[in-house]
Structure formats: structure tokens, C-alpha cells
Amino acid sequence: MRIITHSCPACGSIVAANELEDNRIMKCPGLNCQEVLRFADMPEDEREYFLENRDRYQI
């Protein structure tokens, strides 16, 4: 299993792919950061891998 994350381009905060996929669009969790993060902003190969293996990322 790969750990797939996405970092905020504004502040560098890291969000797990499964959290981002659940919401598709979310405000960055970084302190005082107003950046909006989107699942679609992740690299295509990481999105595809995550979606093909979604069941492995369930808690």
C-alpha cells in the first residue's frame, strides 16, 4: 500500500488522499491558510491508483 498525500501549494500542509477524495473540495487545514484543495489537483497517476485501490485505504 502506498501512502498518498497532497500538499498545499500555499502553506505546505499535507492532506491524506482519502480525506481529500471524501470531500473532493476542502479548505486547507493549515493555520491561517485560506487555500482551497481539490482532489482533481492531485497528479493523475496518484488519483487513479487511489481510486483503483480505495478499499485498501478504508479505516
PDB file of N, CA and C in Angstrom:
ATOM      1  N   MET A   1       0.856  -1.177   0.000  1.00  0.00           N
ATOM      2  CA  MET A   1       0.000   0.000   0.000  1.00  0.00           C
ATOM      3  C   MET A   1       0.899   1.236   0.000  1.00  0.00           C
ATOM      4  N   ARG A   2       0.551   2.186  -0.834  1.00  0.00           N
ATOM      5  CA  ARG A   2       1.274   3.453  -0.905  1.00  0.00           C
ATOM      6  C   ARG A   2       0.574   4.486  -0.030  1.00  0.00           C
ATOM      7  N   ILE A   3       1.347   5.359   0.542  1.00  0.00           N
ATOM      8  CA  ILE A   3       0.779   6.487   1.276  1.00  0.00           C
ATOM      9  C   ILE A   3       0.706   7.632   0.282  1.00  0.00           C
ATOM     10  N   ILE A   4      -0.513   8.091   0.016  1.00  0.00           N
ATOM     11  CA  ILE A   4      -0.716   9.135  -0.978  1.00  0.00           C
ATOM     12  C   ILE A   4      -1.223  10.383  -0.263  1.00  0.00           C
ATOM     13  N   THR A   5      -0.494  11.473  -0.459  1.00  0.00           N
ATOM     14  CA  THR A   5      -0.853  12.742   0.164  1.00  0.00           C
ATOM     15  C   THR A   5      -0.790  13.853  -0.869  1.00  0.00           C
ATOM     16  N   HIS A   6      -1.330  14.983  -0.487  1.00  0.00           N
ATOM     17  CA  HIS A   6      -1.286  16.176  -1.329  1.00  0.00           C
ATOM     18  C   HIS A   6      -0.892  17.329  -0.422  1.00  0.00           C
ATOM     19  N   SER A   7       0.061  18.137  -0.856  1.00  0.00           N
ATOM     20  CA  SER A   7       0.468  19.268  -0.018  1.00  0.00           C
ATOM     21  C   SER A   7      -0.102  20.565  -0.579  1.00  0.00           C
ATOM     22  N   CYS A   8      -0.443  21.438   0.330  1.00  0.00           N
ATOM     23  CA  CYS A   8      -0.997  22.738  -0.033  1.00  0.00           C
ATOM     24  C   CYS A   8       0.097  23.576  -0.699  1.00  0.00           C
ATOM     25  N   PRO A   9      -0.191  24.142  -1.862  1.00  0.00           N
ATOM     26  CA  PRO A   9       0.822  24.963  -2.534  1.00  0.00           C
ATOM     27  C   PRO A   9       1.100  26.286  -1.811  1.00  0.00           C
ATOM     28  N   ALA A  10       0.185  26.717  -0.961  1.00  0.00           N
ATOM     29  CA  ALA A  10       0.356  27.992  -0.267  1.00  0.00           C
ATOM     30  C   ALA A  10       1.148  27.858   1.036  1.00  0.00           C
ATOM     31  N   CYS A  11       0.837  26.830   1.831  1.00  0.00           N
ATOM     32  CA  CYS A  11       1.480  26.745   3.153  1.00  0.00           C
ATOM     33  C   CYS A  11       2.231  25.436   3.388  1.00  0.00           C
ATOM     34  N   GLY A  12       2.034  24.446   2.523  1.00  0.00           N
ATOM     35  CA  GLY A  12       2.746  23.188   2.669  1.00  0.00           C
ATOM     36  C   GLY A  12       2.071  22.157   3.553  1.00  0.00           C
ATOM     37  N   SER A  13       0.912  22.475   4.115  1.00  0.00           N
ATOM     38  CA  SER A  13       0.192  21.487   4.926  1.00  0.00           C
ATOM     39  C   SER A  13      -0.114  20.261   4.077  1.00  0.00           C
ATOM     40  N   ILE A  14      -0.090  19.098   4.713  1.00  0.00           N
ATOM     41  CA  ILE A  14      -0.294  17.847   3.991  1.00  0.00           C
ATOM     42  C   ILE A  14      -1.659  17.270   4.337  1.00  0.00           C
ATOM     43  N   VAL A  15      -2.364  16.804   3.294  1.00  0.00           N
ATOM     44  CA  VAL A  15      -3.681  16.199   3.443  1.00  0.00           C
ATOM     45  C   VAL A  15      -3.623  14.800   2.836  1.00  0.00           C
ATOM     46  N   ALA A  16      -4.183  13.824   3.515  1.00  0.00           N
ATOM     47  CA  ALA A  16      -4.228  12.454   3.004  1.00  0.00           C
ATOM     48  C   ALA A  16      -5.188  12.380   1.820  1.00  0.00           C
ATOM     49  N   ALA A  17      -4.842  11.556   0.856  1.00  0.00           N
ATOM     50  CA  ALA A  17      -5.668  11.410  -0.349  1.00  0.00           C
ATOM     51  C   ALA A  17      -7.082  10.965  -0.018  1.00  0.00           C
ATOM     52  N   ASN A  18      -7.232  10.049   0.958  1.00  0.00           N
ATOM     53  CA  ASN A  18      -8.583   9.578   1.272  1.00  0.00           C
ATOM     54  C   ASN A  18      -9.446  10.687   1.860  1.00  0.00           C
ATOM     55  N   GLU A  19      -8.864  11.575   2.620  1.00  0.00           N
ATOM     56  CA  GLU A  19      -9.618  12.710   3.161  1.00  0.00           C
ATOM     57  C   GLU A  19     -10.018  13.663   2.036  1.00  0.00           C
ATOM     58  N   LEU A  20      -9.117  13.918   1.149  1.00  0.00           N
ATOM     59  CA  LEU A  20      -9.393  14.817   0.033  1.00  0.00           C
ATOM     60  C   LEU A  20     -10.404  14.208  -0.929  1.00  0.00           C
ATOM     61  N   GLU A  21     -10.318  12.912  -1.164  1.00  0.00           N
ATOM     62  CA  GLU A  21     -11.268  12.244  -2.059  1.00  0.00           C
ATOM     63  C   GLU A  21     -12.667  12.250  -1.467  1.00  0.00           C
ATOM     64  N   ASP A  22     -12.776  12.074  -0.149  1.00  0.00           N
ATOM     65  CA  ASP A  22     -14.076  12.089   0.519  1.00  0.00           C
ATOM     66  C   ASP A  22     -14.798  13.411   0.294  1.00  0.00           C
ATOM     67  N   ASN A  23     -14.065  14.494   0.375  1.00  0.00           N
ATOM     68  CA  ASN A  23     -14.659  15.828   0.279  1.00  0.00           C
ATOM     69  C   ASN A  23     -14.587  16.412  -1.128  1.00  0.00           C
ATOM     70  N   ARG A  24     -13.673  15.944  -1.949  1.00  0.00           N
ATOM     71  CA  ARG A  24     -13.399  16.435  -3.312  1.00  0.00           C
ATOM     72  C   ARG A  24     -12.890  17.870  -3.331  1.00  0.00           C
ATOM     73  N   ILE A  25     -13.469  18.729  -2.524  1.00  0.00           N
ATOM     74  CA  ILE A  25     -13.005  20.114  -2.401  1.00  0.00           C
ATOM     75  C   ILE A  25     -13.039  20.454  -0.914  1.00  0.00           C
ATOM     76  N   MET A  26     -11.931  20.973  -0.402  1.00  0.00           N
ATOM     77  CA  MET A  26     -11.913  21.330   1.015  1.00  0.00           C
ATOM     78  C   MET A  26     -10.958  22.500   1.256  1.00  0.00           C
ATOM     79  N   LYS A  27     -11.218  23.229   2.333  1.00  0.00           N
ATOM     80  CA  LYS A  27     -10.324  24.303   2.742  1.00  0.00           C
ATOM     81  C   LYS A  27      -9.089  23.653   3.348  1.00  0.00           C
ATOM     82  N   CYS A  28      -7.957  24.228   3.071  1.00  0.00           N
ATOM     83  CA  CYS A  28      -6.702  23.726   3.630  1.00  0.00           C
ATOM     84  C   CYS A  28      -6.784  23.728   5.158  1.00  0.00           C
ATOM     85  N   PRO A  29      -6.305  22.653   5.802  1.00  0.00           N
ATOM     86  CA  PRO A  29      -6.342  22.606   7.268  1.00  0.00           C
ATOM     87  C   PRO A  29      -5.222  23.417   7.926  1.00  0.00           C
ATOM     88  N   GLY A  30      -4.362  24.020   7.130  1.00  0.00           N
ATOM     89  CA  GLY A  30      -3.258  24.807   7.677  1.00  0.00           C
ATOM     90  C   GLY A  30      -3.743  26.035   8.435  1.00  0.00           C
ATOM     91  N   LEU A  31      -3.012  26.371   9.471  1.00  0.00           N
ATOM     92  CA  LEU A  31      -3.349  27.522  10.300  1.00  0.00           C
ATOM     93  C   LEU A  31      -3.306  28.807   9.480  1.00  0.00           C
ATOM     94  N   ASN A  32      -4.373  29.562   9.479  1.00  0.00           N
ATOM     95  CA  ASN A  32      -4.497  30.828   8.768  1.00  0.00           C
ATOM     96  C   ASN A  32      -4.331  30.708   7.254  1.00  0.00           C
ATOM     97  N   CYS A  33      -4.541  29.535   6.706  1.00  0.00           N
ATOM     98  CA  CYS A  33      -4.438  29.336   5.259  1.00  0.00           C
ATOM     99  C   CYS A  33      -5.840  29.273   4.672  1.00  0.00           C
ATOM    100  N   GLN A  34      -6.073  30.014   3.630  1.00  0.00           N
ATOM    101  CA  GLN A  34      -7.389  30.072   3.002  1.00  0.00           C
ATOM    102  C   GLN A  34      -7.435  29.328   1.659  1.00  0.00           C
ATOM    103  N   GLU A  35      -6.370  28.607   1.339  1.00  0.00           N
ATOM    104  CA  GLU A  35      -6.284  27.873   0.069  1.00  0.00           C
ATOM    105  C   GLU A  35      -7.364  26.789   0.004  1.00  0.00           C
ATOM    106  N   VAL A  36      -7.895  26.574  -1.177  1.00  0.00           N
ATOM    107  CA  VAL A  36      -8.882  25.520  -1.399  1.00  0.00           C
ATOM    108  C   VAL A  36      -8.175  24.381  -2.119  1.00  0.00           C
ATOM    109  N   LEU A  37      -8.275  23.175  -1.543  1.00  0.00           N
ATOM    110  CA  LEU A  37      -7.637  21.993  -2.116  1.00  0.00           C
ATOM    111  C   LEU A  37      -8.680  21.143  -2.823  1.00  0.00           C
ATOM    112  N   ARG A  38      -8.292  20.574  -3.948  1.00  0.00           N
ATOM    113  CA  ARG A  38      -9.217  19.762  -4.746  1.00  0.00           C
ATOM    114  C   ARG A  38      -8.568  18.417  -5.047  1.00  0.00           C
ATOM    115  N   PHE A  39      -9.378  17.364  -5.019  1.00  0.00           N
ATOM    116  CA  PHE A  39      -8.899  16.032  -5.386  1.00  0.00           C
ATOM    117  C   PHE A  39      -8.350  16.061  -6.806  1.00  0.00           C
ATOM    118  N   ALA A  40      -8.975  16.824  -7.685  1.00  0.00           N
ATOM    119  CA  ALA A  40      -8.554  16.916  -9.088  1.00  0.00           C
ATOM    120  C   ALA A  40      -7.174  17.560  -9.248  1.00  0.00           C
ATOM    121  N   ASP A  41      -6.684  18.261  -8.228  1.00  0.00           N
ATOM    122  CA  ASP A  41      -5.359  18.886  -8.300  1.00  0.00           C
ATOM    123  C   ASP A  41      -4.224  17.895  -8.066  1.00  0.00           C
ATOM    124  N   MET A  42      -4.560  16.724  -7.545  1.00  0.00           N
ATOM    125  CA  MET A  42      -3.531  15.702  -7.333  1.00  0.00           C
ATOM    126  C   MET A  42      -3.069  15.168  -8.682  1.00  0.00           C
ATOM    127  N   PRO A  43      -1.833  14.690  -8.781  1.00  0.00           N
ATOM    128  CA  PRO A  43      -1.370  14.104 -10.041  1.00  0.00           C
ATOM    129  C   PRO A  43      -2.281  12.949 -10.477  1.00  0.00           C
ATOM    130  N   GLU A  44      -2.513  12.849 -11.776  1.00  0.00           N
ATOM    131  CA  GLU A  44      -3.452  11.874 -12.311  1.00  0.00           C
ATOM    132  C   GLU A  44      -3.108  10.440 -11.917  1.00  0.00           C
ATOM    133  N   ASP A  45      -1.840  10.068 -11.952  1.00  0.00           N
ATOM    134  CA  ASP A  45      -1.473   8.695 -11.618  1.00  0.00           C
ATOM    135  C   ASP A  45      -1.763   8.372 -10.153  1.00  0.00           C
ATOM    136  N   GLU A  46      -1.607   9.338  -9.264  1.00  0.00           N
ATOM    137  CA  GLU A  46      -1.924   9.114  -7.854  1.00  0.00           C
ATOM    138  C   GLU A  46      -3.434   9.010  -7.645  1.00  0.00           C
ATOM    139  N   ARG A  47      -4.205   9.853  -8.327  1.00  0.00           N
ATOM    140  CA  ARG A  47      -5.675   9.756  -8.239  1.00  0.00           C
ATOM    141  C   ARG A  47      -6.156   8.399  -8.720  1.00  0.00           C
ATOM    142  N   GLU A  48      -5.651   7.966  -9.868  1.00  0.00           N
ATOM    143  CA  GLU A  48      -6.057   6.679 -10.427  1.00  0.00           C
ATOM    144  C   GLU A  48      -5.700   5.523  -9.498  1.00  0.00           C
ATOM    145  N   TYR A  49      -4.478   5.530  -8.973  1.00  0.00           N
ATOM    146  CA  TYR A  49      -4.059   4.469  -8.070  1.00  0.00           C
ATOM    147  C   TYR A  49      -4.964   4.433  -6.845  1.00  0.00           C
ATOM    148  N   PHE A  50      -5.237   5.599  -6.281  1.00  0.00           N
ATOM    149  CA  PHE A  50      -6.088   5.660  -5.095  1.00  0.00           C
ATOM    150  C   PHE A  50      -7.479   5.121  -5.395  1.00  0.00           C
ATOM    151  N   LEU A  51      -8.083   5.554  -6.496  1.00  0.00           N
ATOM    152  CA  LEU A  51      -9.438   5.117  -6.827  1.00  0.00           C
ATOM    153  C   LEU A  51      -9.500   3.623  -7.134  1.00  0.00           C
ATOM    154  N   GLU A  52      -8.471   3.083  -7.766  1.00  0.00           N
ATOM    155  CA  GLU A  52      -8.437   1.647  -8.061  1.00  0.00           C
ATOM    156  C   GLU A  52      -8.252   0.811  -6.802  1.00  0.00           C
ATOM    157  N   ASN A  53      -7.667   1.391  -5.764  1.00  0.00           N
ATOM    158  CA  ASN A  53      -7.377   0.668  -4.525  1.00  0.00           C
ATOM    159  C   ASN A  53      -8.076   1.284  -3.322  1.00  0.00           C
ATOM    160  N   ARG A  54      -9.185   1.939  -3.545  1.00  0.00           N
ATOM    161  CA  ARG A  54      -9.899   2.665  -2.483  1.00  0.00           C
ATOM    162  C   ARG A  54     -10.184   1.792  -1.258  1.00  0.00           C
ATOM    163  N   ASP A  55     -10.552   0.534  -1.484  1.00  0.00           N
ATOM    164  CA  ASP A  55     -10.885  -0.358  -0.366  1.00  0.00           C
ATOM    165  C   ASP A  55      -9.701  -0.583   0.581  1.00  0.00           C
ATOM    166  N   ARG A  56      -8.497  -0.451   0.094  1.00  0.00           N
ATOM    167  CA  ARG A  56      -7.311  -0.626   0.933  1.00  0.00           C
ATOM    168  C   ARG A  56      -7.070   0.579   1.833  1.00  0.00           C
ATOM    169  N   TYR A  57      -7.709   1.694   1.534  1.00  0.00           N
ATOM    170  CA  TYR A  57      -7.496   2.925   2.294  1.00  0.00           C
ATOM    171  C   TYR A  57      -8.616   3.217   3.286  1.00  0.00           C
ATOM    172  N   GLN A  58      -9.495   2.265   3.506  1.00  0.00           N
ATOM    173  CA  GLN A  58     -10.574   2.448   4.475  1.00  0.00           C
ATOM    174  C   GLN A  58     -10.048   2.210   5.888  1.00  0.00           C
ATOM    175  N   ILE A  59     -10.508   3.012   6.806  1.00  0.00           N
ATOM    176  CA  ILE A  59     -10.096   2.872   8.219  1.00  0.00           C
ATOM    177  C   ILE A  59     -11.114   2.044   8.934  1.00  0.00           C
TER     178      ILE A  59
END
